[in-house]
């Protein structure tokens, strides 16, 4: 399996903090770990001002599965469209990387499924 890591970071505009951080982002965060979303593992975190800086790192079985979640999954696509249409974000980083190696565990297991 070729795992893809997706890194996102965004600074939420002050006028959009409530809508983004308290209403929209939690719906997407609850949806992402479901088995049919395609996500293998992920973590969301904030910066020095948690409601202002929203970041995620997530792992997916393919780049197409990341795109499917980002653009076709109902809660995430709604948040993505609103953030563009209403100008919620001031700056963003969206990057994807192929994972060539990894180590460690989360909750006692390897979330990326390495067997060796």
PDB file of N, CA and C in Angstrom:
ATOM      1  N   UNK A   1       0.850  -1.179   0.000  1.00  0.00           N
ATOM      2  CA  UNK A   1       0.000   0.000   0.000  1.00  0.00           C
ATOM      3  C   UNK A   1       0.893   1.240   0.000  1.00  0.00           C
ATOM      4  N   UNK A   2       0.634   2.167  -0.915  1.00  0.00           N
ATOM      5  CA  UNK A   2       1.329   3.450  -0.951  1.00  0.00           C
ATOM      6  C   UNK A   2       0.477   4.460  -0.199  1.00  0.00           C
ATOM      7  N   UNK A   3       0.904   4.800   0.982  1.00  0.00           N
ATOM      8  CA  UNK A   3       0.159   5.733   1.817  1.00  0.00           C
ATOM      9  C   UNK A   3       0.515   7.160   1.435  1.00  0.00           C
ATOM     10  N   UNK A   4      -0.495   8.024   1.407  1.00  0.00           N
ATOM     11  CA  UNK A   4      -0.317   9.439   1.117  1.00  0.00           C
ATOM     12  C   UNK A   4      -0.596  10.225   2.394  1.00  0.00           C
ATOM     13  N   UNK A   5       0.310  11.118   2.737  1.00  0.00           N
ATOM     14  CA  UNK A   5       0.110  12.012   3.876  1.00  0.00           C
ATOM     15  C   UNK A   5      -0.385  13.350   3.338  1.00  0.00           C
ATOM     16  N   UNK A   6      -1.401  13.885   3.989  1.00  0.00           N
ATOM     17  CA  UNK A   6      -1.950  15.184   3.615  1.00  0.00           C
ATOM     18  C   UNK A   6      -1.762  16.136   4.790  1.00  0.00           C
ATOM     19  N   UNK A   7      -1.175  17.287   4.523  1.00  0.00           N
ATOM     20  CA  UNK A   7      -0.950  18.303   5.542  1.00  0.00           C
ATOM     21  C   UNK A   7      -1.727  19.557   5.157  1.00  0.00           C
ATOM     22  N   UNK A   8      -2.552  20.048   6.073  1.00  0.00           N
ATOM     23  CA  UNK A   8      -3.295  21.286   5.816  1.00  0.00           C
ATOM     24  C   UNK A   8      -3.105  22.224   6.997  1.00  0.00           C
ATOM     25  N   UNK A   9      -2.925  23.489   6.715  1.00  0.00           N
ATOM     26  CA  UNK A   9      -2.847  24.521   7.741  1.00  0.00           C
ATOM     27  C   UNK A   9      -3.564  25.751   7.211  1.00  0.00           C
ATOM     28  N   UNK A  10      -4.383  26.352   8.052  1.00  0.00           N
ATOM     29  CA  UNK A  10      -5.119  27.541   7.638  1.00  0.00           C
ATOM     30  C   UNK A  10      -5.258  28.492   8.810  1.00  0.00           C
ATOM     31  N   UNK A  11      -5.189  29.762   8.520  1.00  0.00           N
ATOM     32  CA  UNK A  11      -5.476  30.794   9.513  1.00  0.00           C
ATOM     33  C   UNK A  11      -6.892  31.266   9.240  1.00  0.00           C
ATOM     34  N   UNK A  12      -7.738  31.105  10.228  1.00  0.00           N
ATOM     35  CA  UNK A  12      -9.141  31.463  10.086  1.00  0.00           C
ATOM     36  C   UNK A  12      -9.297  32.953  10.386  1.00  0.00           C
ATOM     37  N   UNK A  13      -9.992  33.664   9.512  1.00  0.00           N
ATOM     38  CA  UNK A  13     -10.243  35.093   9.736  1.00  0.00           C
ATOM     39  C   UNK A  13     -11.077  35.260  11.007  1.00  0.00           C
ATOM     40  N   UNK A  14     -10.806  36.288  11.807  1.00  0.00           N
ATOM     41  CA  UNK A  14     -11.532  36.486  13.065  1.00  0.00           C
ATOM     42  C   UNK A  14     -13.055  36.451  12.915  1.00  0.00           C
ATOM     43  N   UNK A  15     -13.583  37.037  11.858  1.00  0.00           N
ATOM     44  CA  UNK A  15     -15.039  37.064  11.689  1.00  0.00           C
ATOM     45  C   UNK A  15     -15.623  35.686  11.386  1.00  0.00           C
ATOM     46  N   UNK A  16     -14.778  34.727  10.996  1.00  0.00           N
ATOM     47  CA  UNK A  16     -15.252  33.389  10.646  1.00  0.00           C
ATOM     48  C   UNK A  16     -14.933  32.350  11.713  1.00  0.00           C
ATOM     49  N   UNK A  17     -14.271  32.749  12.806  1.00  0.00           N
ATOM     50  CA  UNK A  17     -13.832  31.781  13.813  1.00  0.00           C
ATOM     51  C   UNK A  17     -14.984  30.940  14.371  1.00  0.00           C
ATOM     52  N   UNK A  18     -16.074  31.558  14.722  1.00  0.00           N
ATOM     53  CA  UNK A  18     -17.184  30.808  15.310  1.00  0.00           C
ATOM     54  C   UNK A  18     -17.768  29.833  14.303  1.00  0.00           C
ATOM     55  N   UNK A  19     -18.065  30.311  13.106  1.00  0.00           N
ATOM     56  CA  UNK A  19     -18.660  29.449  12.082  1.00  0.00           C
ATOM     57  C   UNK A  19     -17.735  28.291  11.721  1.00  0.00           C
ATOM     58  N   UNK A  20     -16.463  28.576  11.537  1.00  0.00           N
ATOM     59  CA  UNK A  20     -15.520  27.538  11.126  1.00  0.00           C
ATOM     60  C   UNK A  20     -15.176  26.590  12.271  1.00  0.00           C
ATOM     61  N   UNK A  21     -14.726  27.135  13.386  1.00  0.00           N
ATOM     62  CA  UNK A  21     -14.160  26.327  14.455  1.00  0.00           C
ATOM     63  C   UNK A  21     -15.184  25.624  15.334  1.00  0.00           C
ATOM     64  N   UNK A  22     -16.345  26.211  15.499  1.00  0.00           N
ATOM     65  CA  UNK A  22     -17.309  25.616  16.419  1.00  0.00           C
ATOM     66  C   UNK A  22     -18.457  24.897  15.729  1.00  0.00           C
ATOM     67  N   UNK A  23     -18.735  25.241  14.479  1.00  0.00           N
ATOM     68  CA  UNK A  23     -19.850  24.603  13.790  1.00  0.00           C
ATOM     69  C   UNK A  23     -19.400  23.687  12.665  1.00  0.00           C
ATOM     70  N   UNK A  24     -18.620  24.188  11.739  1.00  0.00           N
ATOM     71  CA  UNK A  24     -18.292  23.436  10.533  1.00  0.00           C
ATOM     72  C   UNK A  24     -17.179  22.414  10.725  1.00  0.00           C
ATOM     73  N   UNK A  25     -16.072  22.817  11.328  1.00  0.00           N
ATOM     74  CA  UNK A  25     -14.939  21.910  11.471  1.00  0.00           C
ATOM     75  C   UNK A  25     -15.282  20.662  12.288  1.00  0.00           C
ATOM     76  N   UNK A  26     -16.024  20.768  13.404  1.00  0.00           N
ATOM     77  CA  UNK A  26     -16.347  19.552  14.163  1.00  0.00           C
ATOM     78  C   UNK A  26     -17.137  18.513  13.370  1.00  0.00           C
ATOM     79  N   UNK A  27     -18.041  18.940  12.495  1.00  0.00           N
ATOM     80  CA  UNK A  27     -18.789  17.975  11.669  1.00  0.00           C
ATOM     81  C   UNK A  27     -17.850  17.209  10.753  1.00  0.00           C
ATOM     82  N   UNK A  28     -16.922  17.924  10.150  1.00  0.00           N
ATOM     83  CA  UNK A  28     -15.954  17.270   9.272  1.00  0.00           C
ATOM     84  C   UNK A  28     -15.033  16.353  10.068  1.00  0.00           C
ATOM     85  N   UNK A  29     -14.583  16.807  11.230  1.00  0.00           N
ATOM     86  CA  UNK A  29     -13.685  16.000  12.062  1.00  0.00           C
ATOM     87  C   UNK A  29     -14.360  14.712  12.516  1.00  0.00           C
ATOM     88  N   UNK A  30     -15.644  14.754  12.812  1.00  0.00           N
ATOM     89  CA  UNK A  30     -16.361  13.533  13.195  1.00  0.00           C
ATOM     90  C   UNK A  30     -16.516  12.597  12.010  1.00  0.00           C
ATOM     91  N   UNK A  31     -16.628  13.129  10.815  1.00  0.00           N
ATOM     92  CA  UNK A  31     -16.849  12.324   9.610  1.00  0.00           C
ATOM     93  C   UNK A  31     -15.569  11.648   9.132  1.00  0.00           C
ATOM     94  N   UNK A  32     -14.433  12.306   9.265  1.00  0.00           N
ATOM     95  CA  UNK A  32     -13.181  11.804   8.696  1.00  0.00           C
ATOM     96  C   UNK A  32     -12.784  10.412   9.153  1.00  0.00           C
ATOM     97  N   UNK A  33     -12.889  10.051  10.442  1.00  0.00           N
ATOM     98  CA  UNK A  33     -12.420   8.724  10.847  1.00  0.00           C
ATOM     99  C   UNK A  33     -13.348   7.564  10.490  1.00  0.00           C
ATOM    100  N   UNK A  34     -14.504   7.812   9.929  1.00  0.00           N
ATOM    101  CA  UNK A  34     -15.396   6.715   9.559  1.00  0.00           C
ATOM    102  C   UNK A  34     -14.747   5.855   8.491  1.00  0.00           C
ATOM    103  N   UNK A  35     -14.962   4.540   8.543  1.00  0.00           N
ATOM    104  CA  UNK A  35     -14.307   3.640   7.587  1.00  0.00           C
ATOM    105  C   UNK A  35     -14.565   3.983   6.120  1.00  0.00           C
ATOM    106  N   UNK A  36     -15.751   4.469   5.782  1.00  0.00           N
ATOM    107  CA  UNK A  36     -16.037   4.763   4.382  1.00  0.00           C
ATOM    108  C   UNK A  36     -15.453   6.083   3.901  1.00  0.00           C
ATOM    109  N   UNK A  37     -14.821   6.864   4.787  1.00  0.00           N
ATOM    110  CA  UNK A  37     -14.184   8.117   4.351  1.00  0.00           C
ATOM    111  C   UNK A  37     -12.896   7.843   3.595  1.00  0.00           C
ATOM    112  N   UNK A  38     -12.250   6.720   3.882  1.00  0.00           N
ATOM    113  CA  UNK A  38     -10.982   6.380   3.252  1.00  0.00           C
ATOM    114  C   UNK A  38      -9.767   6.740   4.083  1.00  0.00           C
ATOM    115  N   UNK A  39      -9.920   7.582   5.093  1.00  0.00           N
ATOM    116  CA  UNK A  39      -8.769   8.001   5.890  1.00  0.00           C
ATOM    117  C   UNK A  39      -8.240   6.833   6.718  1.00  0.00           C
ATOM    118  N   UNK A  40      -6.914   6.655   6.691  1.00  0.00           N
ATOM    119  CA  UNK A  40      -6.259   5.601   7.451  1.00  0.00           C
ATOM    120  C   UNK A  40      -6.024   6.056   8.888  1.00  0.00           C
ATOM    121  N   UNK A  41      -5.547   7.289   9.057  1.00  0.00           N
ATOM    122  CA  UNK A  41      -5.280   7.864  10.383  1.00  0.00           C
ATOM    123  C   UNK A  41      -5.183   9.376  10.213  1.00  0.00           C
ATOM    124  N   UNK A  42      -5.409  10.092  11.301  1.00  0.00           N
ATOM    125  CA  UNK A  42      -5.307  11.540  11.194  1.00  0.00           C
ATOM    126  C   UNK A  42      -5.321  12.219  12.544  1.00  0.00           C
ATOM    127  N   UNK A  43      -4.929  13.481  12.520  1.00  0.00           N
ATOM    128  CA  UNK A  43      -4.858  14.281  13.733  1.00  0.00           C
ATOM    129  C   UNK A  43      -5.118  15.731  13.364  1.00  0.00           C
ATOM    130  N   UNK A  44      -5.983  16.389  14.128  1.00  0.00           N
ATOM    131  CA  UNK A  44      -6.223  17.811  13.945  1.00  0.00           C
ATOM    132  C   UNK A  44      -5.658  18.569  15.128  1.00  0.00           C
ATOM    133  N   UNK A  45      -5.141  19.757  14.894  1.00  0.00           N
ATOM    134  CA  UNK A  45      -4.561  20.547  15.982  1.00  0.00           C
ATOM    135  C   UNK A  45      -4.607  22.017  15.615  1.00  0.00           C
ATOM    136  N   UNK A  46      -4.461  22.862  16.608  1.00  0.00           N
ATOM    137  CA  UNK A  46      -4.468  24.304  16.389  1.00  0.00           C
ATOM    138  C   UNK A  46      -3.129  24.900  16.746  1.00  0.00           C
ATOM    139  N   UNK A  47      -2.983  26.165  16.452  1.00  0.00           N
ATOM    140  CA  UNK A  47      -1.755  26.868  16.762  1.00  0.00           C
ATOM    141  C   UNK A  47      -1.838  27.525  18.126  1.00  0.00           C
ATOM    142  N   UNK A  48      -1.115  28.613  18.286  1.00  0.00           N
ATOM    143  CA  UNK A  48      -1.084  29.333  19.561  1.00  0.00           C
ATOM    144  C   UNK A  48      -2.467  29.850  19.946  1.00  0.00           C
ATOM    145  N   UNK A  49      -3.265  30.194  18.960  1.00  0.00           N
ATOM    146  CA  UNK A  49      -4.649  30.591  19.184  1.00  0.00           C
ATOM    147  C   UNK A  49      -5.501  29.493  18.549  1.00  0.00           C
ATOM    148  N   UNK A  50      -5.956  28.500  19.337  1.00  0.00           N
ATOM    149  CA  UNK A  50      -6.575  27.300  18.768  1.00  0.00           C
ATOM    150  C   UNK A  50      -7.755  27.543  17.828  1.00  0.00           C
ATOM    151  N   UNK A  51      -8.608  28.504  18.086  1.00  0.00           N
ATOM    152  CA  UNK A  51      -9.737  28.740  17.193  1.00  0.00           C
ATOM    153  C   UNK A  51      -9.329  29.461  15.923  1.00  0.00           C
ATOM    154  N   UNK A  52      -8.129  30.024  15.920  1.00  0.00           N
ATOM    155  CA  UNK A  52      -7.682  30.795  14.762  1.00  0.00           C
ATOM    156  C   UNK A  52      -6.844  29.983  13.789  1.00  0.00           C
ATOM    157  N   UNK A  53      -6.030  29.096  14.294  1.00  0.00           N
ATOM    158  CA  UNK A  53      -5.157  28.294  13.445  1.00  0.00           C
ATOM    159  C   UNK A  53      -5.661  26.858  13.431  1.00  0.00           C
ATOM    160  N   UNK A  54      -6.021  26.383  12.260  1.00  0.00           N
ATOM    161  CA  UNK A  54      -6.532  25.019  12.111  1.00  0.00           C
ATOM    162  C   UNK A  54      -5.574  24.229  11.235  1.00  0.00           C
ATOM    163  N   UNK A  55      -5.086  23.117  11.756  1.00  0.00           N
ATOM    164  CA  UNK A  55      -4.144  22.284  11.018  1.00  0.00           C
ATOM    165  C   UNK A  55      -4.561  20.824  11.131  1.00  0.00           C
ATOM    166  N   UNK A  56      -4.277  20.062  10.100  1.00  0.00           N
ATOM    167  CA  UNK A  56      -4.513  18.624  10.140  1.00  0.00           C
ATOM    168  C   UNK A  56      -3.361  17.908   9.461  1.00  0.00           C
ATOM    169  N   UNK A  57      -3.096  16.713   9.929  1.00  0.00           N
ATOM    170  CA  UNK A  57      -2.235  15.780   9.215  1.00  0.00           C
ATOM    171  C   UNK A  57      -3.035  14.485   9.147  1.00  0.00           C
ATOM    172  N   UNK A  58      -3.151  13.947   7.956  1.00  0.00           N
ATOM    173  CA  UNK A  58      -3.937  12.732   7.783  1.00  0.00           C
ATOM    174  C   UNK A  58      -3.251  11.826   6.779  1.00  0.00           C
ATOM    175  N   UNK A  59      -3.602  10.547   6.862  1.00  0.00           N
ATOM    176  CA  UNK A  59      -2.981   9.522   6.021  1.00  0.00           C
ATOM    177  C   UNK A  59      -4.073   8.785   5.271  1.00  0.00           C
ATOM    178  N   UNK A  60      -3.838   8.567   3.980  1.00  0.00           N
ATOM    179  CA  UNK A  60      -4.839   8.026   3.072  1.00  0.00           C
ATOM    180  C   UNK A  60      -4.220   6.942   2.204  1.00  0.00           C
ATOM    181  N   UNK A  61      -5.024   5.992   1.717  1.00  0.00           N
ATOM    182  CA  UNK A  61      -4.455   4.932   0.884  1.00  0.00           C
ATOM    183  C   UNK A  61      -4.017   5.409  -0.504  1.00  0.00           C
ATOM    184  N   UNK A  62      -4.509   6.578  -0.948  1.00  0.00           N
ATOM    185  CA  UNK A  62      -4.123   7.100  -2.260  1.00  0.00           C
ATOM    186  C   UNK A  62      -4.464   8.590  -2.338  1.00  0.00           C
ATOM    187  N   UNK A  63      -3.862   9.254  -3.312  1.00  0.00           N
ATOM    188  CA  UNK A  63      -4.169  10.661  -3.537  1.00  0.00           C
ATOM    189  C   UNK A  63      -5.624  10.837  -3.961  1.00  0.00           C
ATOM    190  N   UNK A  64      -6.151   9.885  -4.707  1.00  0.00           N
ATOM    191  CA  UNK A  64      -7.551   9.986  -5.146  1.00  0.00           C
ATOM    192  C   UNK A  64      -8.514   9.884  -3.971  1.00  0.00           C
ATOM    193  N   UNK A  65      -8.156   9.138  -2.929  1.00  0.00           N
ATOM    194  CA  UNK A  65      -9.031   9.053  -1.757  1.00  0.00           C
ATOM    195  C   UNK A  65      -9.036  10.374  -0.983  1.00  0.00           C
ATOM    196  N   UNK A  66      -7.899  11.087  -0.974  1.00  0.00           N
ATOM    197  CA  UNK A  66      -7.854  12.420  -0.357  1.00  0.00           C
ATOM    198  C   UNK A  66      -8.781  13.360  -1.130  1.00  0.00           C
ATOM    199  N   UNK A  67      -8.670  13.351  -2.446  1.00  0.00           N
ATOM    200  CA  UNK A  67      -9.504  14.220  -3.282  1.00  0.00           C
ATOM    201  C   UNK A  67     -10.984  13.896  -3.132  1.00  0.00           C
ATOM    202  N   UNK A  68     -11.321  12.619  -3.066  1.00  0.00           N
ATOM    203  CA  UNK A  68     -12.724  12.232  -2.909  1.00  0.00           C
ATOM    204  C   UNK A  68     -13.292  12.789  -1.613  1.00  0.00           C
ATOM    205  N   UNK A  69     -12.532  12.687  -0.534  1.00  0.00           N
ATOM    206  CA  UNK A  69     -13.013  13.222   0.743  1.00  0.00           C
ATOM    207  C   UNK A  69     -13.104  14.746   0.699  1.00  0.00           C
ATOM    208  N   UNK A  70     -12.093  15.378   0.137  1.00  0.00           N
ATOM    209  CA  UNK A  70     -12.042  16.852   0.126  1.00  0.00           C
ATOM    210  C   UNK A  70     -13.130  17.469  -0.742  1.00  0.00           C
ATOM    211  N   UNK A  71     -13.457  16.814  -1.860  1.00  0.00           N
ATOM    212  CA  UNK A  71     -14.352  17.450  -2.827  1.00  0.00           C
ATOM    213  C   UNK A  71     -15.707  16.782  -2.989  1.00  0.00           C
ATOM    214  N   UNK A  72     -15.869  15.558  -2.479  1.00  0.00           N
ATOM    215  CA  UNK A  72     -17.152  14.891  -2.683  1.00  0.00           C
ATOM    216  C   UNK A  72     -17.847  14.492  -1.387  1.00  0.00           C
ATOM    217  N   UNK A  73     -17.126  14.447  -0.277  1.00  0.00           N
ATOM    218  CA  UNK A  73     -17.734  14.082   0.991  1.00  0.00           C
ATOM    219  C   UNK A  73     -18.549  15.284   1.497  1.00  0.00           C
ATOM    220  N   UNK A  74     -19.806  15.049   1.809  1.00  0.00           N
ATOM    221  CA  UNK A  74     -20.743  16.149   2.111  1.00  0.00           C
ATOM    222  C   UNK A  74     -20.252  17.132   3.175  1.00  0.00           C
ATOM    223  N   UNK A  75     -19.928  16.722   4.415  1.00  0.00           N
ATOM    224  CA  UNK A  75     -19.531  17.739   5.394  1.00  0.00           C
ATOM    225  C   UNK A  75     -18.277  18.512   4.984  1.00  0.00           C
ATOM    226  N   UNK A  76     -17.250  17.816   4.480  1.00  0.00           N
ATOM    227  CA  UNK A  76     -16.016  18.510   4.132  1.00  0.00           C
ATOM    228  C   UNK A  76     -16.221  19.427   2.939  1.00  0.00           C
ATOM    229  N   UNK A  77     -16.939  18.964   1.936  1.00  0.00           N
ATOM    230  CA  UNK A  77     -17.161  19.796   0.760  1.00  0.00           C
ATOM    231  C   UNK A  77     -17.949  21.053   1.120  1.00  0.00           C
ATOM    232  N   UNK A  78     -18.910  20.942   2.035  1.00  0.00           N
ATOM    233  CA  UNK A  78     -19.667  22.122   2.484  1.00  0.00           C
ATOM    234  C   UNK A  78     -18.740  23.138   3.154  1.00  0.00           C
ATOM    235  N   UNK A  79     -17.856  22.654   4.021  1.00  0.00           N
ATOM    236  CA  UNK A  79     -16.913  23.544   4.704  1.00  0.00           C
ATOM    237  C   UNK A  79     -15.950  24.163   3.689  1.00  0.00           C
ATOM    238  N   UNK A  80     -15.457  23.352   2.762  1.00  0.00           N
ATOM    239  CA  UNK A  80     -14.524  23.851   1.743  1.00  0.00           C
ATOM    240  C   UNK A  80     -15.183  24.943   0.907  1.00  0.00           C
ATOM    241  N   UNK A  81     -16.398  24.699   0.449  1.00  0.00           N
ATOM    242  CA  UNK A  81     -17.095  25.696  -0.371  1.00  0.00           C
ATOM    243  C   UNK A  81     -17.375  26.975   0.423  1.00  0.00           C
ATOM    244  N   UNK A  82     -17.853  26.839   1.650  1.00  0.00           N
ATOM    245  CA  UNK A  82     -18.144  28.025   2.474  1.00  0.00           C
ATOM    246  C   UNK A  82     -16.871  28.821   2.743  1.00  0.00           C
ATOM    247  N   UNK A  83     -15.762  28.120   2.979  1.00  0.00           N
ATOM    248  CA  UNK A  83     -14.516  28.838   3.259  1.00  0.00           C
ATOM    249  C   UNK A  83     -14.050  29.631   2.054  1.00  0.00           C
ATOM    250  N   UNK A  84     -14.303  29.124   0.852  1.00  0.00           N
ATOM    251  CA  UNK A  84     -13.941  29.858  -0.369  1.00  0.00           C
ATOM    252  C   UNK A  84     -14.949  30.977  -0.626  1.00  0.00           C
ATOM    253  N   UNK A  85     -16.247  30.642  -0.614  1.00  0.00           N
ATOM    254  CA  UNK A  85     -17.297  31.615  -0.938  1.00  0.00           C
ATOM    255  C   UNK A  85     -17.347  32.775   0.056  1.00  0.00           C
ATOM    256  N   UNK A  86     -17.114  32.479   1.328  1.00  0.00           N
ATOM    257  CA  UNK A  86     -17.244  33.498   2.368  1.00  0.00           C
ATOM    258  C   UNK A  86     -15.899  34.034   2.861  1.00  0.00           C
ATOM    259  N   UNK A  87     -14.799  33.566   2.257  1.00  0.00           N
ATOM    260  CA  UNK A  87     -13.473  34.071   2.606  1.00  0.00           C
ATOM    261  C   UNK A  87     -13.072  33.790   4.046  1.00  0.00           C
ATOM    262  N   UNK A  88     -13.322  32.581   4.525  1.00  0.00           N
ATOM    263  CA  UNK A  88     -13.020  32.237   5.916  1.00  0.00           C
ATOM    264  C   UNK A  88     -11.529  32.204   6.213  1.00  0.00           C
ATOM    265  N   UNK A  89     -10.713  31.862   5.221  1.00  0.00           N
ATOM    266  CA  UNK A  89      -9.290  31.617   5.466  1.00  0.00           C
ATOM    267  C   UNK A  89      -8.429  32.737   4.895  1.00  0.00           C
ATOM    268  N   UNK A  90      -7.408  33.126   5.662  1.00  0.00           N
ATOM    269  CA  UNK A  90      -6.488  34.171   5.209  1.00  0.00           C
ATOM    270  C   UNK A  90      -5.271  33.588   4.520  1.00  0.00           C
ATOM    271  N   UNK A  91      -4.807  32.476   4.979  1.00  0.00           N
ATOM    272  CA  UNK A  91      -3.681  31.809   4.325  1.00  0.00           C
ATOM    273  C   UNK A  91      -3.848  30.316   4.504  1.00  0.00           C
ATOM    274  N   UNK A  92      -3.318  29.542   3.573  1.00  0.00           N
ATOM    275  CA  UNK A  92      -3.500  28.099   3.641  1.00  0.00           C
ATOM    276  C   UNK A  92      -2.268  27.362   3.135  1.00  0.00           C
ATOM    277  N   UNK A  93      -2.114  26.151   3.600  1.00  0.00           N
ATOM    278  CA  UNK A  93      -1.116  25.220   3.081  1.00  0.00           C
ATOM    279  C   UNK A  93      -1.823  23.902   2.880  1.00  0.00           C
ATOM    280  N   UNK A  94      -1.774  23.403   1.682  1.00  0.00           N
ATOM    281  CA  UNK A  94      -2.327  22.094   1.379  1.00  0.00           C
ATOM    282  C   UNK A  94      -1.235  21.329   0.650  1.00  0.00           C
ATOM    283  N   UNK A  95      -0.730  20.289   1.261  1.00  0.00           N
ATOM    284  CA  UNK A  95       0.363  19.535   0.657  1.00  0.00           C
ATOM    285  C   UNK A  95       0.112  18.046   0.814  1.00  0.00           C
ATOM    286  N   UNK A  96       0.555  17.285  -0.163  1.00  0.00           N
ATOM    287  CA  UNK A  96       0.447  15.825  -0.111  1.00  0.00           C
ATOM    288  C   UNK A  96       1.830  15.236  -0.341  1.00  0.00           C
ATOM    289  N   UNK A  97       2.102  14.161   0.379  1.00  0.00           N
ATOM    290  CA  UNK A  97       3.391  13.494   0.291  1.00  0.00           C
ATOM    291  C   UNK A  97       3.162  11.987   0.249  1.00  0.00           C
ATOM    292  N   UNK A  98       3.982  11.281  -0.498  1.00  0.00           N
ATOM    293  CA  UNK A  98       3.962   9.821  -0.448  1.00  0.00           C
ATOM    294  C   UNK A  98       4.820   9.411   0.730  1.00  0.00           C
ATOM    295  N   UNK A  99       4.288   8.572   1.594  1.00  0.00           N
ATOM    296  CA  UNK A  99       5.024   8.087   2.760  1.00  0.00           C
ATOM    297  C   UNK A  99       5.931   6.946   2.303  1.00  0.00           C
ATOM    298  N   UNK A 100       7.241   7.129   2.459  1.00  0.00           N
ATOM    299  CA  UNK A 100       8.182   6.093   2.038  1.00  0.00           C
ATOM    300  C   UNK A 100       8.618   5.215   3.200  1.00  0.00           C
ATOM    301  N   UNK A 101       8.475   5.720   4.434  1.00  0.00           N
ATOM    302  CA  UNK A 101       8.817   4.931   5.610  1.00  0.00           C
ATOM    303  C   UNK A 101       8.189   5.611   6.820  1.00  0.00           C
ATOM    304  N   UNK A 102       7.991   4.845   7.845  1.00  0.00           N
ATOM    305  CA  UNK A 102       7.455   5.404   9.077  1.00  0.00           C
ATOM    306  C   UNK A 102       7.795   4.475  10.237  1.00  0.00           C
ATOM    307  N   UNK A 103       7.623   4.973  11.441  1.00  0.00           N
ATOM    308  CA  UNK A 103       7.858   4.165  12.629  1.00  0.00           C
ATOM    309  C   UNK A 103       6.993   4.657  13.762  1.00  0.00           C
ATOM    310  N   UNK A 104       6.807   3.831  14.765  1.00  0.00           N
ATOM    311  CA  UNK A 104       6.032   4.213  15.928  1.00  0.00           C
ATOM    312  C   UNK A 104       4.630   3.648  15.916  1.00  0.00           C
ATOM    313  N   UNK A 105       3.942   3.900  17.016  1.00  0.00           N
ATOM    314  CA  UNK A 105       2.581   3.409  17.167  1.00  0.00           C
ATOM    315  C   UNK A 105       1.680   4.511  17.702  1.00  0.00           C
ATOM    316  N   UNK A 106       0.401   4.301  17.564  1.00  0.00           N
ATOM    317  CA  UNK A 106      -0.620   5.164  18.129  1.00  0.00           C
ATOM    318  C   UNK A 106      -1.608   4.251  18.841  1.00  0.00           C
ATOM    319  N   UNK A 107      -1.811   4.472  20.136  1.00  0.00           N
ATOM    320  CA  UNK A 107      -2.687   3.611  20.942  1.00  0.00           C
ATOM    321  C   UNK A 107      -2.265   2.150  20.863  1.00  0.00           C
ATOM    322  N   UNK A 108      -0.957   1.920  20.765  1.00  0.00           N
ATOM    323  CA  UNK A 108      -0.427   0.566  20.779  1.00  0.00           C
ATOM    324  C   UNK A 108      -0.445  -0.175  19.456  1.00  0.00           C
ATOM    325  N   UNK A 109      -0.888   0.466  18.390  1.00  0.00           N
ATOM    326  CA  UNK A 109      -0.902  -0.191  17.082  1.00  0.00           C
ATOM    327  C   UNK A 109      -0.258   0.723  16.040  1.00  0.00           C
ATOM    328  N   UNK A 110       0.104   0.144  14.915  1.00  0.00           N
ATOM    329  CA  UNK A 110       0.652   0.904  13.802  1.00  0.00           C
ATOM    330  C   UNK A 110      -0.524   1.322  12.927  1.00  0.00           C
ATOM    331  N   UNK A 111      -0.902   2.610  12.931  1.00  0.00           N
ATOM    332  CA  UNK A 111      -2.081   3.020  12.164  1.00  0.00           C
ATOM    333  C   UNK A 111      -1.921   2.892  10.666  1.00  0.00           C
ATOM    334  N   UNK A 112      -0.688   2.793  10.184  1.00  0.00           N
ATOM    335  CA  UNK A 112      -0.467   2.656   8.738  1.00  0.00           C
ATOM    336  C   UNK A 112      -0.306   1.205   8.322  1.00  0.00           C
ATOM    337  N   UNK A 113      -0.419   0.301   9.268  1.00  0.00           N
ATOM    338  CA  UNK A 113      -0.473  -1.107   8.951  1.00  0.00           C
ATOM    339  C   UNK A 113       0.813  -1.778   8.565  1.00  0.00           C
ATOM    340  N   UNK A 114       1.955  -1.233   8.933  1.00  0.00           N
ATOM    341  CA  UNK A 114       3.221  -1.894   8.603  1.00  0.00           C
ATOM    342  C   UNK A 114       3.323  -3.184   9.397  1.00  0.00           C
ATOM    343  N   UNK A 115       3.704  -4.244   8.763  1.00  0.00           N
ATOM    344  CA  UNK A 115       3.759  -5.551   9.413  1.00  0.00           C
ATOM    345  C   UNK A 115       5.146  -6.000   9.797  1.00  0.00           C
ATOM    346  N   UNK A 116       6.190  -5.327   9.331  1.00  0.00           N
ATOM    347  CA  UNK A 116       7.539  -5.826   9.665  1.00  0.00           C
ATOM    348  C   UNK A 116       8.097  -5.170  10.900  1.00  0.00           C
TER     349      UNK A 116
END
